[in-house]
Amino acid sequence: MTDLFANIAEAQEERQAIQMADGITSSVEELRRCEVISILNRHFPAEYNEQSVKEAGKNIEQFCDLVAKARGRAAADQLLADCRAEWMKRKEAA
């Protein structure tokens, strides 16, 4: 198999150019957005009732505890805040 890119730096430059063309200013922002969507896709309840909401919230908080261990409490708190904001958008849309 041949690689289209001569090295990692060339691949990174190409990816950055694609993101800029798509209006994505930071790969960190894009990763956070994708992570929030992924978490909510896994945990947002199909049936919105009190029990399912509590269980989903508990699961998301447990995931954020794992994030805190790996990346620090500030990153986990930011992720939780982003998840809550996206949760409200989905709740209003449902």
Protein backbone atom coordinates (compact mmCIF):
# COMPACT_ATOMS: atom_id res chain seq x y z
CA MET A 1 0.00 0.00 0.00
CA THR A 2 1.36 3.41 -0.90
CA ASP A 3 0.73 6.46 1.20
CA LEU A 4 -0.42 9.62 -0.55
CA PHE A 5 1.39 11.78 1.97
CA ALA A 6 5.15 11.87 2.31
CA ASN A 7 4.98 12.36 6.05
CA ILE A 8 2.74 13.13 9.00
CA ALA A 9 3.31 16.87 8.72
CA GLU A 10 2.07 16.89 5.13
CA ALA A 11 -1.04 14.93 6.15
CA GLN A 12 -1.68 17.35 9.01
CA GLU A 13 -1.38 20.36 6.69
CA GLU A 14 -3.82 18.78 4.24
CA ARG A 15 -6.35 18.04 7.00
CA GLN A 16 -6.03 21.58 8.33
CA ALA A 17 -6.68 22.99 4.84
CA ILE A 18 -9.80 20.82 4.51
CA GLN A 19 -11.08 21.97 7.89
CA MET A 20 -10.49 25.62 7.01
CA ALA A 21 -12.39 25.15 3.74
CA ASP A 22 -15.27 23.63 5.73
CA GLY A 23 -15.28 26.58 8.15
CA ILE A 24 -13.77 24.67 11.06
CA THR A 25 -11.26 26.96 12.74
CA SER A 26 -9.80 24.53 15.26
CA SER A 27 -9.44 20.78 15.31
CA VAL A 28 -9.87 20.94 19.11
CA GLU A 29 -13.29 22.56 18.66
CA GLU A 30 -14.26 19.92 16.11
CA LEU A 31 -13.11 17.07 18.35
CA ARG A 32 -15.10 18.48 21.28
CA ARG A 33 -18.21 18.87 19.12
CA CYS A 34 -17.91 15.29 17.86
CA GLU A 35 -17.29 13.97 21.38
CA VAL A 36 -20.43 15.69 22.72
CA ILE A 37 -22.53 14.35 19.85
CA SER A 38 -21.12 10.86 20.40
CA ILE A 39 -21.87 10.92 24.13
CA LEU A 40 -25.43 12.09 23.63
CA ASN A 41 -26.06 9.64 20.81
CA ARG A 42 -25.14 6.88 23.26
CA HIS A 43 -26.98 8.19 26.31
CA PHE A 44 -29.88 10.45 25.28
CA PRO A 45 -33.02 8.47 26.15
CA ALA A 46 -35.27 7.21 23.38
CA GLU A 47 -38.25 7.61 25.70
CA TYR A 48 -38.06 10.79 27.70
CA ASN A 49 -39.27 9.93 31.19
CA GLU A 50 -37.92 10.60 34.67
CA GLN A 51 -36.23 7.21 35.13
CA SER A 52 -34.49 7.21 31.72
CA VAL A 53 -33.32 10.80 32.20
CA LYS A 54 -31.79 9.99 35.60
CA GLU A 55 -30.03 6.93 34.21
CA ALA A 56 -28.69 8.82 31.20
CA GLY A 57 -27.47 11.68 33.39
CA LYS A 58 -25.72 9.23 35.70
CA ASN A 59 -24.00 7.52 32.75
CA ILE A 60 -22.80 10.83 31.33
CA GLU A 61 -21.45 11.93 34.71
CA GLN A 62 -19.60 8.61 35.05
CA PHE A 63 -18.06 9.14 31.63
CA CYS A 64 -17.00 12.66 32.65
CA ASP A 65 -15.35 11.20 35.78
CA LEU A 66 -13.24 9.03 33.46
CA VAL A 67 -12.41 12.11 31.41
CA ALA A 68 -11.36 13.91 34.60
CA LYS A 69 -8.92 11.13 35.43
CA ALA A 70 -7.44 11.20 31.92
CA ARG A 71 -7.52 14.91 31.04
CA GLY A 72 -8.19 16.78 34.28
CA ARG A 73 -11.25 18.19 36.03
CA ALA A 74 -11.40 21.37 33.92
CA ALA A 75 -11.71 19.35 30.70
CA ALA A 76 -14.38 17.13 32.28
CA ASP A 77 -16.37 20.13 33.53
CA GLN A 78 -16.24 21.74 30.08
CA LEU A 79 -17.38 18.50 28.46
CA LEU A 80 -20.25 18.17 30.93
CA ALA A 81 -21.32 21.77 30.28
CA ASP A 82 -21.22 21.18 26.51
CA CYS A 83 -23.26 17.98 26.95
CA ARG A 84 -25.86 19.83 29.02
CA ALA A 85 -26.19 22.55 26.37
CA GLU A 86 -26.62 19.98 23.60
CA TRP A 87 -29.05 18.02 25.81
CA MET A 88 -31.27 21.11 26.11
CA LYS A 89 -31.26 21.56 22.34
CA ARG A 90 -32.34 17.96 21.84
CA LYS A 91 -34.95 18.18 24.59
CA GLU A 92 -36.51 21.26 22.97
CA ALA A 93 -36.46 19.61 19.55
CA ALA A 94 -38.14 16.44 20.84
